[in-house]
Amino acid sequence: MYSAKINGEPTTFGTSGMLYRSNKVMYDRLTNSLWNQLTSQPVIGPLWDSGIKLDFFPVMLTTWEEWLELHPDTTVLHQETGVYPAEFYAPEDDPGAIYYQYFNTPDTMFPVPDRDERLETKDVVLGVQLNDSYKAYSTAALQQSRIVNDVVGGEEIVVLGSGASQGASAYYRGERSFGLAPDDDGISLGIPSVIADDGGDTWRVTEQFLVNTRDESETLARIPTHMSFWFGWFQFHPDTELYTGP
């Protein structure tokens, strides 16, 4: 999820219909430059080699049930969009969905030049980029670990995973180490709503921050991350580290 502003000027983006290494290429309607959707950089057109990158925001790849439990007042885009009929928007696990076959076959639609066999081609990863360092976290591994204290690009971070979906998020942790809260039995579904640090404080997990329940003025910011197929992340970050479990 990117900001649709270029040098502070709002615009909109569209799908070019082109792929690069089986990765979507989008265009902006302000300059008609083409953009790599995973690196957020222009690759062809007036903005090429300008050094511009779009700001991007944290996102969550989760189930509707899990999201609604956390955010009961959320709004949702209706399937009656006026663009396509409602039945066009079939769930991804429906054999009639447009990309059902793609998601349920092991290979890419078009060739990609570089592969890494530490994970399967379409395994989903949470990608973290900090200070020109990259690390991917297998969502399957995060379902088991739930909480991972780590260092990426010299920054101490904590990564949280859902036990029920591919949901995952990352936060700065300072010099603390985190684990499940004392009253968490370790088998609850979803991303933990409260975690505990090694000093005995508990922290509430929100979309933007970890919030210290003892002193709510103390917060730790969430880190914008990518959700990607493993092959897509590796194409543009071949020197990435990879977390596959404890």
C-alpha atoms as a PDB file:
ATOM      1  CA  MET A   1       0.000   0.000   0.000  1.00  0.00           C
ATOM      2  CA  TYR A   2       1.664   3.165  -1.259  1.00  0.00           C
ATOM      3  CA  SER A   3       1.054   6.870  -1.030  1.00  0.00           C
ATOM      4  CA  ALA A   4      -0.388   8.117  -4.334  1.00  0.00           C
ATOM      5  CA  LYS A   5       1.587  11.360  -4.145  1.00  0.00           C
ATOM      6  CA  ILE A   6       4.580  12.194  -6.317  1.00  0.00           C
ATOM      7  CA  ASN A   7       6.694  15.019  -4.898  1.00  0.00           C
ATOM      8  CA  GLY A   8       3.683  15.943  -2.763  1.00  0.00           C
ATOM      9  CA  GLU A   9       1.248  16.095  -5.694  1.00  0.00           C
ATOM     10  CA  PRO A  10      -1.696  13.641  -5.568  1.00  0.00           C
ATOM     11  CA  THR A  11      -2.320  11.384  -8.539  1.00  0.00           C
ATOM     12  CA  THR A  12      -3.757   7.972  -9.320  1.00  0.00           C
ATOM     13  CA  PHE A  13      -2.144   4.789 -10.565  1.00  0.00           C
ATOM     14  CA  GLY A  14      -3.224   2.132 -13.039  1.00  0.00           C
ATOM     15  CA  THR A  15      -2.192  -1.301 -14.236  1.00  0.00           C
ATOM     16  CA  SER A  16       0.083  -1.138 -17.281  1.00  0.00           C
ATOM     17  CA  GLY A  17      -0.608  -4.727 -18.300  1.00  0.00           C
ATOM     18  CA  MET A  18       3.127  -5.414 -18.268  1.00  0.00           C
ATOM     19  CA  LEU A  19       5.146  -7.630 -15.959  1.00  0.00           C
ATOM     20  CA  TYR A  20       8.811  -7.558 -14.996  1.00  0.00           C
ATOM     21  CA  ARG A  21      10.107 -10.856 -13.619  1.00  0.00           C
ATOM     22  CA  SER A  22       6.463 -11.910 -13.185  1.00  0.00           C
ATOM     23  CA  ASN A  23       5.873  -8.833 -11.024  1.00  0.00           C
ATOM     24  CA  LYS A  24       3.235  -6.207 -11.754  1.00  0.00           C
ATOM     25  CA  VAL A  25       4.268  -2.923 -13.395  1.00  0.00           C
ATOM     26  CA  MET A  26       2.000   0.052 -12.669  1.00  0.00           C
ATOM     27  CA  TYR A  27       1.926   3.579 -14.104  1.00  0.00           C
ATOM     28  CA  ASP A  28       1.072   6.971 -12.653  1.00  0.00           C
ATOM     29  CA  ARG A  29      -1.366   9.296 -14.413  1.00  0.00           C
ATOM     30  CA  LEU A  30       0.646  12.406 -13.556  1.00  0.00           C
ATOM     31  CA  THR A  31       3.804  11.636 -15.546  1.00  0.00           C
ATOM     32  CA  ASN A  32       2.973   8.288 -17.237  1.00  0.00           C
ATOM     33  CA  SER A  33       6.083   6.769 -15.678  1.00  0.00           C
ATOM     34  CA  LEU A  34       6.159   3.012 -15.131  1.00  0.00           C
ATOM     35  CA  TRP A  35       6.758   1.774 -11.574  1.00  0.00           C
ATOM     36  CA  ASN A  36       7.959  -1.462 -10.029  1.00  0.00           C
ATOM     37  CA  GLN A  37       5.170  -2.273  -7.561  1.00  0.00           C
ATOM     38  CA  LEU A  38       7.448  -4.143  -5.131  1.00  0.00           C
ATOM     39  CA  THR A  39      10.293  -1.629  -4.861  1.00  0.00           C
ATOM     40  CA  SER A  40       8.050   1.484  -5.345  1.00  0.00           C
ATOM     41  CA  GLN A  41      10.554   2.989  -7.786  1.00  0.00           C
ATOM     42  CA  PRO A  42       9.985   4.309 -11.339  1.00  0.00           C
ATOM     43  CA  VAL A  43      11.685   2.122 -13.930  1.00  0.00           C
ATOM     44  CA  ILE A  44      10.779   3.733 -17.291  1.00  0.00           C
ATOM     45  CA  GLY A  45       9.628   7.234 -18.217  1.00  0.00           C
ATOM     46  CA  PRO A  46      10.168  10.820 -17.053  1.00  0.00           C
ATOM     47  CA  LEU A  47      10.842   9.840 -13.418  1.00  0.00           C
ATOM     48  CA  TRP A  48      13.348   7.089 -14.182  1.00  0.00           C
ATOM     49  CA  ASP A  49      16.627   7.552 -12.308  1.00  0.00           C
ATOM     50  CA  SER A  50      15.160  10.456 -10.317  1.00  0.00           C
ATOM     51  CA  GLY A  51      15.756   8.798  -6.942  1.00  0.00           C
ATOM     52  CA  ILE A  52      12.038   9.031  -6.079  1.00  0.00           C
ATOM     53  CA  LYS A  53      10.404   6.270  -4.049  1.00  0.00           C
ATOM     54  CA  LEU A  54       6.765   6.196  -2.984  1.00  0.00           C
ATOM     55  CA  ASP A  55       6.040   6.234   0.725  1.00  0.00           C
ATOM     56  CA  PHE A  56       4.441   2.986   1.787  1.00  0.00           C
ATOM     57  CA  PHE A  57       2.312   1.874   4.706  1.00  0.00           C
ATOM     58  CA  PRO A  58       1.853  -1.248   6.820  1.00  0.00           C
ATOM     59  CA  VAL A  59      -0.715  -3.725   5.517  1.00  0.00           C
ATOM     60  CA  MET A  60      -2.200  -6.965   6.819  1.00  0.00           C
ATOM     61  CA  LEU A  61      -2.878 -10.122   4.818  1.00  0.00           C
ATOM     62  CA  THR A  62      -5.494 -11.847   6.923  1.00  0.00           C
ATOM     63  CA  THR A  63      -8.965 -13.338   6.944  1.00  0.00           C
ATOM     64  CA  TRP A  64     -12.143 -11.299   7.116  1.00  0.00           C
ATOM     65  CA  GLU A  65     -13.081 -13.097  10.338  1.00  0.00           C
ATOM     66  CA  GLU A  66      -9.778 -12.270  12.022  1.00  0.00           C
ATOM     67  CA  TRP A  67      -9.830  -8.635  10.880  1.00  0.00           C
ATOM     68  CA  LEU A  68     -13.445  -8.087  11.957  1.00  0.00           C
ATOM     69  CA  GLU A  69     -12.759  -9.460  15.417  1.00  0.00           C
ATOM     70  CA  LEU A  70     -10.047  -6.834  15.889  1.00  0.00           C
ATOM     71  CA  HIS A  71     -11.932  -4.011  14.125  1.00  0.00           C
ATOM     72  CA  PRO A  72     -15.705  -4.531  14.475  1.00  0.00           C
ATOM     73  CA  ASP A  73     -16.447  -1.008  13.157  1.00  0.00           C
ATOM     74  CA  THR A  74     -14.453  -1.454   9.954  1.00  0.00           C
ATOM     75  CA  THR A  75     -15.870  -0.564   6.533  1.00  0.00           C
ATOM     76  CA  VAL A  76     -15.532  -2.786   3.486  1.00  0.00           C
ATOM     77  CA  LEU A  77     -15.756  -2.252  -0.260  1.00  0.00           C
ATOM     78  CA  HIS A  78     -19.077  -3.640  -1.498  1.00  0.00           C
ATOM     79  CA  GLN A  79     -18.978  -6.204  -4.291  1.00  0.00           C
ATOM     80  CA  GLU A  80     -21.542  -4.149  -6.238  1.00  0.00           C
ATOM     81  CA  THR A  81     -18.839  -1.811  -7.550  1.00  0.00           C
ATOM     82  CA  GLY A  82     -20.511  -0.809 -10.807  1.00  0.00           C
ATOM     83  CA  VAL A  83     -17.353  -1.870 -12.647  1.00  0.00           C
ATOM     84  CA  TYR A  84     -17.853  -5.625 -12.811  1.00  0.00           C
ATOM     85  CA  PRO A  85     -20.768  -7.815 -11.675  1.00  0.00           C
ATOM     86  CA  ALA A  86     -20.598  -8.998  -8.059  1.00  0.00           C
ATOM     87  CA  GLU A  87     -19.965 -12.623  -9.037  1.00  0.00           C
ATOM     88  CA  PHE A  88     -16.742 -11.465 -10.721  1.00  0.00           C
ATOM     89  CA  TYR A  89     -15.194 -11.005  -7.253  1.00  0.00           C
ATOM     90  CA  ALA A  90     -15.115 -14.667  -6.238  1.00  0.00           C
ATOM     91  CA  PRO A  91     -13.063 -15.652  -3.156  1.00  0.00           C
ATOM     92  CA  GLU A  92      -9.555 -16.851  -3.991  1.00  0.00           C
ATOM     93  CA  ASP A  93     -10.384 -20.386  -2.836  1.00  0.00           C
ATOM     94  CA  ASP A  94     -13.311 -20.565  -5.272  1.00  0.00           C
ATOM     95  CA  PRO A  95     -12.384 -22.594  -8.414  1.00  0.00           C
ATOM     96  CA  GLY A  96     -14.224 -19.932 -10.430  1.00  0.00           C
ATOM     97  CA  ALA A  97     -11.923 -17.138  -9.227  1.00  0.00           C
ATOM     98  CA  ILE A  98      -9.745 -15.581 -11.915  1.00  0.00           C
ATOM     99  CA  TYR A  99      -6.438 -16.436 -10.242  1.00  0.00           C
ATOM    100  CA  TYR A 100      -7.502 -19.719  -8.626  1.00  0.00           C
ATOM    101  CA  GLN A 101      -5.359 -21.817 -10.946  1.00  0.00           C
ATOM    102  CA  TYR A 102      -2.367 -19.501 -10.517  1.00  0.00           C
ATOM    103  CA  PHE A 103      -2.517 -19.634  -6.727  1.00  0.00           C
ATOM    104  CA  ASN A 104      -2.916 -23.393  -6.739  1.00  0.00           C
ATOM    105  CA  THR A 105      -0.089 -24.311  -9.085  1.00  0.00           C
ATOM    106  CA  PRO A 106       3.541 -24.330  -7.952  1.00  0.00           C
ATOM    107  CA  ASP A 107       5.123 -22.253 -10.691  1.00  0.00           C
ATOM    108  CA  THR A 108       4.902 -18.730 -12.068  1.00  0.00           C
ATOM    109  CA  MET A 109       2.858 -17.754 -15.110  1.00  0.00           C
ATOM    110  CA  PHE A 110       5.989 -16.491 -16.857  1.00  0.00           C
ATOM    111  CA  PRO A 111       9.670 -17.386 -16.336  1.00  0.00           C
ATOM    112  CA  VAL A 112      11.709 -15.627 -13.664  1.00  0.00           C
ATOM    113  CA  PRO A 113      15.507 -15.713 -13.910  1.00  0.00           C
ATOM    114  CA  ASP A 114      16.563 -16.193 -10.287  1.00  0.00           C
ATOM    115  CA  ARG A 115      15.249 -18.809  -7.871  1.00  0.00           C
ATOM    116  CA  ASP A 116      16.020 -19.723  -4.286  1.00  0.00           C
ATOM    117  CA  GLU A 117      15.012 -23.174  -3.106  1.00  0.00           C
ATOM    118  CA  ARG A 118      15.020 -22.424   0.626  1.00  0.00           C
ATOM    119  CA  LEU A 119      11.242 -21.975   0.244  1.00  0.00           C
ATOM    120  CA  GLU A 120       8.720 -23.038  -2.343  1.00  0.00           C
ATOM    121  CA  THR A 121       8.204 -20.555  -5.180  1.00  0.00           C
ATOM    122  CA  LYS A 122       4.842 -19.225  -3.943  1.00  0.00           C
ATOM    123  CA  ASP A 123       5.312 -19.492  -0.202  1.00  0.00           C
ATOM    124  CA  VAL A 124       4.143 -16.215   1.332  1.00  0.00           C
ATOM    125  CA  VAL A 125       6.663 -14.118   3.250  1.00  0.00           C
ATOM    126  CA  LEU A 126       6.664 -10.923   5.268  1.00  0.00           C
ATOM    127  CA  GLY A 127       9.447  -8.765   3.815  1.00  0.00           C
ATOM    128  CA  VAL A 128      11.313  -6.251   5.989  1.00  0.00           C
ATOM    129  CA  GLN A 129      13.645  -3.586   4.590  1.00  0.00           C
ATOM    130  CA  LEU A 130      15.697  -1.499   7.028  1.00  0.00           C
ATOM    131  CA  ASN A 131      18.839   0.517   6.282  1.00  0.00           C
ATOM    132  CA  ASP A 132      19.459  -1.257   2.969  1.00  0.00           C
ATOM    133  CA  SER A 133      19.207  -4.668   4.648  1.00  0.00           C
ATOM    134  CA  TYR A 134      16.480  -7.179   3.823  1.00  0.00           C
ATOM    135  CA  LYS A 135      14.926 -10.112   5.623  1.00  0.00           C
ATOM    136  CA  ALA A 136      11.967 -12.320   4.771  1.00  0.00           C
ATOM    137  CA  TYR A 137       9.885 -14.207   7.328  1.00  0.00           C
ATOM    138  CA  SER A 138       7.971 -17.254   6.189  1.00  0.00           C
ATOM    139  CA  THR A 139       4.351 -16.804   7.314  1.00  0.00           C
ATOM    140  CA  ALA A 140       4.142 -20.567   7.843  1.00  0.00           C
ATOM    141  CA  ALA A 141       7.048 -20.321  10.304  1.00  0.00           C
ATOM    142  CA  LEU A 142       5.484 -17.288  12.006  1.00  0.00           C
ATOM    143  CA  GLN A 143       2.283 -19.272  12.556  1.00  0.00           C
ATOM    144  CA  GLN A 144       4.352 -21.566  14.758  1.00  0.00           C
ATOM    145  CA  SER A 145       6.694 -19.027  16.394  1.00  0.00           C
ATOM    146  CA  ARG A 146       4.105 -16.245  16.903  1.00  0.00           C
ATOM    147  CA  ILE A 147       6.765 -13.824  18.246  1.00  0.00           C
ATOM    148  CA  VAL A 148      10.277 -13.359  16.860  1.00  0.00           C
ATOM    149  CA  ASN A 149      12.828 -10.949  18.349  1.00  0.00           C
ATOM    150  CA  ASP A 150      15.363 -10.071  15.681  1.00  0.00           C
ATOM    151  CA  VAL A 151      17.819  -7.503  14.296  1.00  0.00           C
ATOM    152  CA  VAL A 152      17.604  -6.233  10.696  1.00  0.00           C
ATOM    153  CA  GLY A 153      19.900  -3.535   9.343  1.00  0.00           C
ATOM    154  CA  GLY A 154      21.136  -2.832  12.873  1.00  0.00           C
ATOM    155  CA  GLU A 155      17.569  -2.173  14.092  1.00  0.00           C
ATOM    156  CA  GLU A 156      16.084  -4.300  16.865  1.00  0.00           C
ATOM    157  CA  ILE A 157      12.618  -5.431  15.844  1.00  0.00           C
ATOM    158  CA  VAL A 158       9.896  -7.837  16.915  1.00  0.00           C
ATOM    159  CA  VAL A 159       7.778  -9.728  14.374  1.00  0.00           C
ATOM    160  CA  LEU A 160       4.328 -11.030  15.311  1.00  0.00           C
ATOM    161  CA  GLY A 161       2.518 -13.808  13.478  1.00  0.00           C
ATOM    162  CA  SER A 162      -1.031 -15.123  13.477  1.00  0.00           C
ATOM    163  CA  GLY A 163      -1.632 -18.744  14.390  1.00  0.00           C
ATOM    164  CA  ALA A 164      -4.681 -18.850  12.107  1.00  0.00           C
ATOM    165  CA  SER A 165      -3.810 -16.916   8.945  1.00  0.00           C
ATOM    166  CA  GLN A 166      -0.940 -15.367   7.003  1.00  0.00           C
ATOM    167  CA  GLY A 167      -1.291 -12.224   9.113  1.00  0.00           C
ATOM    168  CA  ALA A 168       2.026 -10.788  10.311  1.00  0.00           C
ATOM    169  CA  SER A 169       3.387  -7.428  11.442  1.00  0.00           C
ATOM    170  CA  ALA A 170       6.683  -5.945  12.623  1.00  0.00           C
ATOM    171  CA  TYR A 171       7.520  -3.278  15.216  1.00  0.00           C
ATOM    172  CA  TYR A 172      10.616  -1.608  16.594  1.00  0.00           C
ATOM    173  CA  ARG A 173      11.461  -3.038  20.030  1.00  0.00           C
ATOM    174  CA  GLY A 174      14.364  -0.923  21.272  1.00  0.00           C
ATOM    175  CA  GLU A 175      16.460  -3.016  23.661  1.00  0.00           C
ATOM    176  CA  ARG A 176      13.535  -5.127  24.876  1.00  0.00           C
ATOM    177  CA  SER A 177      12.756  -8.731  24.129  1.00  0.00           C
ATOM    178  CA  PHE A 178       9.131  -9.791  23.842  1.00  0.00           C
ATOM    179  CA  GLY A 179       7.173 -12.960  24.431  1.00  0.00           C
ATOM    180  CA  LEU A 180       3.585 -14.048  24.890  1.00  0.00           C
ATOM    181  CA  ALA A 181       1.746 -12.404  27.785  1.00  0.00           C
ATOM    182  CA  PRO A 182       1.552 -14.536  30.972  1.00  0.00           C
ATOM    183  CA  ASP A 183      -2.169 -15.221  30.505  1.00  0.00           C
ATOM    184  CA  ASP A 184      -1.732 -16.245  26.845  1.00  0.00           C
ATOM    185  CA  ASP A 185      -1.914 -20.019  26.529  1.00  0.00           C
ATOM    186  CA  GLY A 186       0.095 -19.947  23.314  1.00  0.00           C
ATOM    187  CA  ILE A 187      -2.604 -21.619  21.251  1.00  0.00           C
ATOM    188  CA  SER A 188      -4.948 -18.661  20.754  1.00  0.00           C
ATOM    189  CA  LEU A 189      -5.705 -17.754  17.179  1.00  0.00           C
ATOM    190  CA  GLY A 190      -4.736 -14.527  15.478  1.00  0.00           C
ATOM    191  CA  ILE A 191      -1.891 -12.114  16.126  1.00  0.00           C
ATOM    192  CA  PRO A 192      -1.445 -11.674  19.905  1.00  0.00           C
ATOM    193  CA  SER A 193      -3.399  -8.650  21.163  1.00  0.00           C
ATOM    194  CA  VAL A 194      -1.114  -8.222  24.194  1.00  0.00           C
ATOM    195  CA  ILE A 195       2.553  -9.191  24.540  1.00  0.00           C
ATOM    196  CA  ALA A 196       5.032  -8.952  27.418  1.00  0.00           C
ATOM    197  CA  ASP A 197       8.581  -7.642  27.546  1.00  0.00           C
ATOM    198  CA  ASP A 198      11.498  -9.044  29.535  1.00  0.00           C
ATOM    199  CA  GLY A 199      11.055  -6.321  32.157  1.00  0.00           C
ATOM    200  CA  GLY A 200       7.576  -7.491  33.109  1.00  0.00           C
ATOM    201  CA  ASP A 201       5.571  -4.814  31.280  1.00  0.00           C
ATOM    202  CA  THR A 202       2.707  -5.768  28.976  1.00  0.00           C
ATOM    203  CA  TRP A 203       2.115  -4.032  25.651  1.00  0.00           C
ATOM    204  CA  ARG A 204      -1.121  -3.675  23.704  1.00  0.00           C
ATOM    205  CA  VAL A 205      -0.772  -4.471  19.991  1.00  0.00           C
ATOM    206  CA  THR A 206      -2.420  -1.893  17.687  1.00  0.00           C
ATOM    207  CA  GLU A 207      -2.232  -1.276  13.956  1.00  0.00           C
ATOM    208  CA  GLN A 208       0.218   1.607  14.435  1.00  0.00           C
ATOM    209  CA  PHE A 209       2.056   0.970  17.703  1.00  0.00           C
ATOM    210  CA  LEU A 210       2.879  -1.312  20.575  1.00  0.00           C
ATOM    211  CA  VAL A 211       1.493   0.567  23.591  1.00  0.00           C
ATOM    212  CA  ASN A 212       2.833   0.055  27.130  1.00  0.00           C
ATOM    213  CA  THR A 213      -0.210  -0.684  29.304  1.00  0.00           C
ATOM    214  CA  ARG A 214       1.554   0.712  32.382  1.00  0.00           C
ATOM    215  CA  ASP A 215       2.360   4.031  30.697  1.00  0.00           C
ATOM    216  CA  GLU A 216       0.434   4.588  27.451  1.00  0.00           C
ATOM    217  CA  SER A 217       2.663   7.507  26.482  1.00  0.00           C
ATOM    218  CA  GLU A 218       5.352   4.913  25.770  1.00  0.00           C
ATOM    219  CA  THR A 219       4.901   3.440  22.305  1.00  0.00           C
ATOM    220  CA  LEU A 220       6.909   1.485  19.756  1.00  0.00           C
ATOM    221  CA  ALA A 221       6.162   2.177  16.091  1.00  0.00           C
ATOM    222  CA  ARG A 222       5.076  -0.362  13.515  1.00  0.00           C
ATOM    223  CA  ILE A 223       7.367  -0.937  10.533  1.00  0.00           C
ATOM    224  CA  PRO A 224       5.964  -0.840   6.971  1.00  0.00           C
ATOM    225  CA  THR A 225       6.465  -4.275   5.411  1.00  0.00           C
ATOM    226  CA  HIS A 226       5.673  -6.190   2.235  1.00  0.00           C
ATOM    227  CA  MET A 227       3.610  -9.354   1.871  1.00  0.00           C
ATOM    228  CA  SER A 228       4.935 -11.252  -1.106  1.00  0.00           C
ATOM    229  CA  PHE A 229       5.409 -14.593  -2.756  1.00  0.00           C
ATOM    230  CA  TRP A 230       8.919 -15.798  -1.966  1.00  0.00           C
ATOM    231  CA  PHE A 231       9.965 -15.725  -5.635  1.00  0.00           C
ATOM    232  CA  GLY A 232       8.835 -12.087  -5.958  1.00  0.00           C
ATOM    233  CA  TRP A 233      10.710 -10.890  -2.886  1.00  0.00           C
ATOM    234  CA  PHE A 234      13.854 -12.775  -3.896  1.00  0.00           C
ATOM    235  CA  GLN A 235      13.826 -11.360  -7.466  1.00  0.00           C
ATOM    236  CA  PHE A 236      14.497  -7.854  -6.199  1.00  0.00           C
ATOM    237  CA  HIS A 237      16.336  -8.669  -2.955  1.00  0.00           C
ATOM    238  CA  PRO A 238      18.636 -11.611  -3.802  1.00  0.00           C
ATOM    239  CA  ASP A 239      20.847 -10.881  -0.787  1.00  0.00           C
ATOM    240  CA  THR A 240      17.924 -11.202   1.618  1.00  0.00           C
ATOM    241  CA  GLU A 241      18.159 -13.111   4.862  1.00  0.00           C
ATOM    242  CA  LEU A 242      15.380 -15.615   5.554  1.00  0.00           C
ATOM    243  CA  TYR A 243      13.626 -16.686   8.749  1.00  0.00           C
ATOM    244  CA  THR A 244      12.213 -20.197   8.523  1.00  0.00           C
ATOM    245  CA  GLY A 245      11.752 -20.990  12.226  1.00  0.00           C
ATOM    246  CA  PRO A 246      13.573 -21.008  15.558  1.00  0.00           C
END
